[in-house]
PDB file of N, CA and C in Angstrom:
ATOM      1  N   MET A   1      35.475 131.908 128.240  1.00  0.00           N
ATOM      2  CA  MET A   1      36.287 130.799 128.731  1.00  0.00           C
ATOM      3  C   MET A   1      37.404 130.580 127.719  1.00  0.00           C
ATOM      4  N   ASN A   2      38.617 130.770 128.164  1.00  0.00           N
ATOM      5  CA  ASN A   2      39.730 130.542 127.258  1.00  0.00           C
ATOM      6  C   ASN A   2      40.168 129.072 127.312  1.00  0.00           C
ATOM      7  N   ARG A   3      41.140 128.749 126.519  1.00  0.00           N
ATOM      8  CA  ARG A   3      41.555 127.345 126.436  1.00  0.00           C
ATOM      9  C   ARG A   3      42.131 126.818 127.738  1.00  0.00           C
ATOM     10  N   THR A   4      42.774 127.671 128.512  1.00  0.00           N
ATOM     11  CA  THR A   4      43.353 127.224 129.782  1.00  0.00           C
ATOM     12  C   THR A   4      42.264 126.805 130.756  1.00  0.00           C
ATOM     13  N   GLU A   5      41.209 127.606 130.872  1.00  0.00           N
ATOM     14  CA  GLU A   5      40.104 127.250 131.757  1.00  0.00           C
ATOM     15  C   GLU A   5      39.428 125.970 131.306  1.00  0.00           C
ATOM     16  N   LEU A   6      39.234 125.814 130.013  1.00  0.00           N
ATOM     17  CA  LEU A   6      38.616 124.602 129.492  1.00  0.00           C
ATOM     18  C   LEU A   6      39.504 123.386 129.757  1.00  0.00           C
ATOM     19  N   PHE A   7      40.799 123.536 129.579  1.00  0.00           N
ATOM     20  CA  PHE A   7      41.732 122.449 129.826  1.00  0.00           C
ATOM     21  C   PHE A   7      41.736 122.051 131.300  1.00  0.00           C
ATOM     22  N   LEU A   8      41.758 123.032 132.206  1.00  0.00           N
ATOM     23  CA  LEU A   8      41.730 122.737 133.632  1.00  0.00           C
ATOM     24  C   LEU A   8      40.404 122.101 134.045  1.00  0.00           C
ATOM     25  N   ALA A   9      39.307 122.564 133.465  1.00  0.00           N
ATOM     26  CA  ALA A   9      38.006 121.949 133.753  1.00  0.00           C
ATOM     27  C   ALA A   9      37.984 120.500 133.285  1.00  0.00           C
ATOM     28  N   LEU A  10      38.589 120.226 132.146  1.00  0.00           N
ATOM     29  CA  LEU A  10      38.652 118.858 131.644  1.00  0.00           C
ATOM     30  C   LEU A  10      39.489 117.969 132.562  1.00  0.00           C
ATOM     31  N   ILE A  11      40.597 118.488 133.051  1.00  0.00           N
ATOM     32  CA  ILE A  11      41.438 117.714 133.966  1.00  0.00           C
ATOM     33  C   ILE A  11      40.679 117.391 135.249  1.00  0.00           C
ATOM     34  N   VAL A  12      40.010 118.382 135.825  1.00  0.00           N
ATOM     35  CA  VAL A  12      39.241 118.156 137.049  1.00  0.00           C
ATOM     36  C   VAL A  12      38.135 117.145 136.799  1.00  0.00           C
ATOM     37  N   PHE A  13      37.441 117.270 135.669  1.00  0.00           N
ATOM     38  CA  PHE A  13      36.367 116.341 135.342  1.00  0.00           C
ATOM     39  C   PHE A  13      36.891 114.911 135.212  1.00  0.00           C
ATOM     40  N   LEU A  14      38.003 114.738 134.516  1.00  0.00           N
ATOM     41  CA  LEU A  14      38.542 113.390 134.326  1.00  0.00           C
ATOM     42  C   LEU A  14      39.070 112.798 135.629  1.00  0.00           C
ATOM     43  N   LEU A  15      39.669 113.612 136.490  1.00  0.00           N
ATOM     44  CA  LEU A  15      40.107 113.114 137.794  1.00  0.00           C
ATOM     45  C   LEU A  15      38.918 112.696 138.647  1.00  0.00           C
ATOM     46  N   ALA A  16      37.849 113.487 138.613  1.00  0.00           N
ATOM     47  CA  ALA A  16      36.645 113.125 139.367  1.00  0.00           C
ATOM     48  C   ALA A  16      36.033 111.841 138.815  1.00  0.00           C
ATOM     49  N   ALA A  17      36.035 111.678 137.509  1.00  0.00           N
ATOM     50  CA  ALA A  17      35.517 110.452 136.915  1.00  0.00           C
ATOM     51  C   ALA A  17      36.367 109.251 137.310  1.00  0.00           C
ATOM     52  N   LEU A  18      37.676 109.433 137.383  1.00  0.00           N
ATOM     53  CA  LEU A  18      38.575 108.363 137.799  1.00  0.00           C
ATOM     54  C   LEU A  18      38.308 107.958 139.249  1.00  0.00           C
ATOM     55  N   ILE A  19      38.134 108.948 140.114  1.00  0.00           N
ATOM     56  CA  ILE A  19      37.827 108.649 141.514  1.00  0.00           C
ATOM     57  C   ILE A  19      36.495 107.928 141.623  1.00  0.00           C
ATOM     58  N   TYR A  20      35.516 108.373 140.850  1.00  0.00           N
ATOM     59  CA  TYR A  20      34.189 107.735 140.887  1.00  0.00           C
ATOM     60  C   TYR A  20      34.261 106.284 140.414  1.00  0.00           C
ATOM     61  N   GLU A  21      35.025 106.033 139.375  1.00  0.00           N
ATOM     62  CA  GLU A  21      35.127 104.674 138.829  1.00  0.00           C
ATOM     63  C   GLU A  21      35.900 103.731 139.745  1.00  0.00           C
ATOM     64  N   THR A  22      36.927 104.229 140.418  1.00  0.00           N
ATOM     65  CA  THR A  22      37.736 103.349 141.260  1.00  0.00           C
ATOM     66  C   THR A  22      37.147 103.174 142.653  1.00  0.00           C
ATOM     67  N   GLY A  23      36.169 104.015 143.005  1.00  0.00           N
ATOM     68  CA  GLY A  23      35.534 103.884 144.317  1.00  0.00           C
ATOM     69  C   GLY A  23      34.627 102.663 144.352  1.00  0.00           C
ATOM     70  N   ASP A  24      34.382 102.174 145.554  1.00  0.00           N
ATOM     71  CA  ASP A  24      33.461 101.051 145.700  1.00  0.00           C
ATOM     72  C   ASP A  24      32.364 101.455 146.682  1.00  0.00           C
ATOM     73  N   GLY A  25      31.604 100.523 147.132  1.00  0.00           N
ATOM     74  CA  GLY A  25      30.491 100.816 148.022  1.00  0.00           C
ATOM     75  C   GLY A  25      30.899 101.323 149.390  1.00  0.00           C
ATOM     76  N   THR A  26      32.163 101.178 149.746  1.00  0.00           N
ATOM     77  CA  THR A  26      32.608 101.609 151.067  1.00  0.00           C
ATOM     78  C   THR A  26      33.257 102.990 151.062  1.00  0.00           C
ATOM     79  N   THR A  27      33.212 103.686 149.936  1.00  0.00           N
ATOM     80  CA  THR A  27      33.789 105.026 149.864  1.00  0.00           C
ATOM     81  C   THR A  27      32.934 105.984 150.696  1.00  0.00           C
ATOM     82  N   PRO A  28      33.553 106.765 151.576  1.00  0.00           N
ATOM     83  CA  PRO A  28      32.779 107.661 152.443  1.00  0.00           C
ATOM     84  C   PRO A  28      32.034 108.740 151.653  1.00  0.00           C
ATOM     85  N   GLU A  29      30.920 109.203 152.219  1.00  0.00           N
ATOM     86  CA  GLU A  29      30.088 110.195 151.539  1.00  0.00           C
ATOM     87  C   GLU A  29      30.803 111.530 151.361  1.00  0.00           C
ATOM     88  N   PHE A  30      31.713 111.892 152.275  1.00  0.00           N
ATOM     89  CA  PHE A  30      32.380 113.181 152.125  1.00  0.00           C
ATOM     90  C   PHE A  30      33.327 113.196 150.931  1.00  0.00           C
ATOM     91  N   ILE A  31      33.602 112.051 150.353  1.00  0.00           N
ATOM     92  CA  ILE A  31      34.372 111.978 149.107  1.00  0.00           C
ATOM     93  C   ILE A  31      33.422 111.847 147.918  1.00  0.00           C
ATOM     94  N   VAL A  32      32.396 111.041 148.052  1.00  0.00           N
ATOM     95  CA  VAL A  32      31.489 110.756 146.936  1.00  0.00           C
ATOM     96  C   VAL A  32      30.672 111.986 146.549  1.00  0.00           C
ATOM     97  N   ILE A  33      30.144 112.719 147.519  1.00  0.00           N
ATOM     98  CA  ILE A  33      29.266 113.848 147.211  1.00  0.00           C
ATOM     99  C   ILE A  33      29.997 114.949 146.438  1.00  0.00           C
ATOM    100  N   PRO A  34      31.186 115.412 146.852  1.00  0.00           N
ATOM    101  CA  PRO A  34      31.877 116.429 146.031  1.00  0.00           C
ATOM    102  C   PRO A  34      32.260 115.917 144.642  1.00  0.00           C
ATOM    103  N   VAL A  35      32.619 114.636 144.554  1.00  0.00           N
ATOM    104  CA  VAL A  35      32.980 114.086 143.240  1.00  0.00           C
ATOM    105  C   VAL A  35      31.770 114.092 142.313  1.00  0.00           C
ATOM    106  N   LEU A  36      30.615 113.701 142.816  1.00  0.00           N
ATOM    107  CA  LEU A  36      29.411 113.725 141.987  1.00  0.00           C
ATOM    108  C   LEU A  36      29.020 115.154 141.619  1.00  0.00           C
ATOM    109  N   LEU A  37      29.194 116.086 142.535  1.00  0.00           N
ATOM    110  CA  LEU A  37      28.923 117.487 142.203  1.00  0.00           C
ATOM    111  C   LEU A  37      29.848 117.978 141.092  1.00  0.00           C
ATOM    112  N   ILE A  38      31.115 117.614 141.181  1.00  0.00           N
ATOM    113  CA  ILE A  38      32.059 118.012 140.131  1.00  0.00           C
ATOM    114  C   ILE A  38      31.665 117.393 138.800  1.00  0.00           C
ATOM    115  N   LEU A  39      31.265 116.122 138.822  1.00  0.00           N
ATOM    116  CA  LEU A  39      30.895 115.449 137.571  1.00  0.00           C
ATOM    117  C   LEU A  39      29.684 116.094 136.910  1.00  0.00           C
ATOM    118  N   PHE A  40      28.780 116.673 137.697  1.00  0.00           N
ATOM    119  CA  PHE A  40      27.597 117.287 137.102  1.00  0.00           C
ATOM    120  C   PHE A  40      27.746 118.788 136.877  1.00  0.00           C
ATOM    121  N   VAL A  41      28.541 119.479 137.696  1.00  0.00           N
ATOM    122  CA  VAL A  41      28.634 120.936 137.594  1.00  0.00           C
ATOM    123  C   VAL A  41      29.617 121.383 136.513  1.00  0.00           C
ATOM    124  N   ILE A  42      30.752 120.702 136.369  1.00  0.00           N
ATOM    125  CA  ILE A  42      31.758 121.123 135.386  1.00  0.00           C
ATOM    126  C   ILE A  42      31.194 121.153 133.958  1.00  0.00           C
ATOM    127  N   PRO A  43      30.490 120.115 133.491  1.00  0.00           N
ATOM    128  CA  PRO A  43      29.949 120.210 132.122  1.00  0.00           C
ATOM    129  C   PRO A  43      28.919 121.326 131.973  1.00  0.00           C
ATOM    130  N   ILE A  44      28.081 121.525 132.981  1.00  0.00           N
ATOM    131  CA  ILE A  44      27.086 122.599 132.902  1.00  0.00           C
ATOM    132  C   ILE A  44      27.782 123.953 132.856  1.00  0.00           C
ATOM    133  N   TYR A  45      28.811 124.137 133.681  1.00  0.00           N
ATOM    134  CA  TYR A  45      29.565 125.398 133.679  1.00  0.00           C
ATOM    135  C   TYR A  45      30.256 125.618 132.333  1.00  0.00           C
ATOM    136  N   ALA A  46      30.903 124.589 131.822  1.00  0.00           N
ATOM    137  CA  ALA A  46      31.644 124.740 130.564  1.00  0.00           C
ATOM    138  C   ALA A  46      30.711 125.064 129.408  1.00  0.00           C
ATOM    139  N   ILE A  47      29.604 124.363 129.310  1.00  0.00           N
ATOM    140  CA  ILE A  47      28.652 124.626 128.218  1.00  0.00           C
ATOM    141  C   ILE A  47      28.031 126.008 128.382  1.00  0.00           C
ATOM    142  N   GLY A  48      27.668 126.364 129.617  1.00  0.00           N
ATOM    143  CA  GLY A  48      27.095 127.687 129.852  1.00  0.00           C
ATOM    144  C   GLY A  48      28.064 128.801 129.519  1.00  0.00           C
ATOM    145  N   ALA A  49      29.315 128.654 129.900  1.00  0.00           N
ATOM    146  CA  ALA A  49      30.311 129.677 129.598  1.00  0.00           C
ATOM    147  C   ALA A  49      30.540 129.806 128.097  1.00  0.00           C
ATOM    148  N   LEU A  50      30.577 128.684 127.395  1.00  0.00           N
ATOM    149  CA  LEU A  50      30.756 128.742 125.947  1.00  0.00           C
ATOM    150  C   LEU A  50      29.565 129.405 125.261  1.00  0.00           C
ATOM    151  N   ILE A  51      28.359 129.104 125.729  1.00  0.00           N
ATOM    152  CA  ILE A  51      27.161 129.722 125.142  1.00  0.00           C
ATOM    153  C   ILE A  51      27.160 131.220 125.399  1.00  0.00           C
ATOM    154  N   ILE A  52      27.462 131.614 126.625  1.00  0.00           N
ATOM    155  CA  ILE A  52      27.444 133.045 126.957  1.00  0.00           C
ATOM    156  C   ILE A  52      28.500 133.802 126.167  1.00  0.00           C
ATOM    157  N   GLU A  53      29.691 133.240 126.044  1.00  0.00           N
ATOM    158  CA  GLU A  53      30.761 133.950 125.344  1.00  0.00           C
ATOM    159  C   GLU A  53      30.565 133.992 123.836  1.00  0.00           C
ATOM    160  N   ASN A  54      30.017 132.927 123.264  1.00  0.00           N
ATOM    161  CA  ASN A  54      29.935 132.851 121.804  1.00  0.00           C
ATOM    162  C   ASN A  54      28.600 133.289 121.241  1.00  0.00           C
ATOM    163  N   VAL A  55      27.512 133.024 121.926  1.00  0.00           N
ATOM    164  CA  VAL A  55      26.195 133.332 121.372  1.00  0.00           C
ATOM    165  C   VAL A  55      25.709 134.697 121.846  1.00  0.00           C
ATOM    166  N   ILE A  56      25.751 134.902 123.148  1.00  0.00           N
ATOM    167  CA  ILE A  56      25.191 136.145 123.690  1.00  0.00           C
ATOM    168  C   ILE A  56      26.115 137.330 123.417  1.00  0.00           C
ATOM    169  N   ASN A  57      27.405 137.173 123.630  1.00  0.00           N
ATOM    170  CA  ASN A  57      28.345 138.278 123.405  1.00  0.00           C
ATOM    171  C   ASN A  57      28.740 138.443 121.953  1.00  0.00           C
ATOM    172  N   GLY A  58      28.410 137.482 121.130  1.00  0.00           N
ATOM    173  CA  GLY A  58      28.679 137.569 119.702  1.00  0.00           C
ATOM    174  C   GLY A  58      30.081 137.281 119.416  1.00  0.00           C
TER     175      GLY A  58
END
C-alpha cells in the first residue's frame, strides 16, 4: 500500500464518518449500511495491507 492508497482510504473513511455523524434516526438503511461497512472495512484493509507488505514481504 503506497501513500496514495492510504491517503485515499483516509479520505473515504473520514467522509463516511462525517455522514455517520450528521445522520439521524431517519436516515435510510441503503445509506447507513454502506457507510457502516466502510467504517469497519477500511481500517481492517489498511492494517492488513500494511502488515502484509511490511512483515510478510519483509
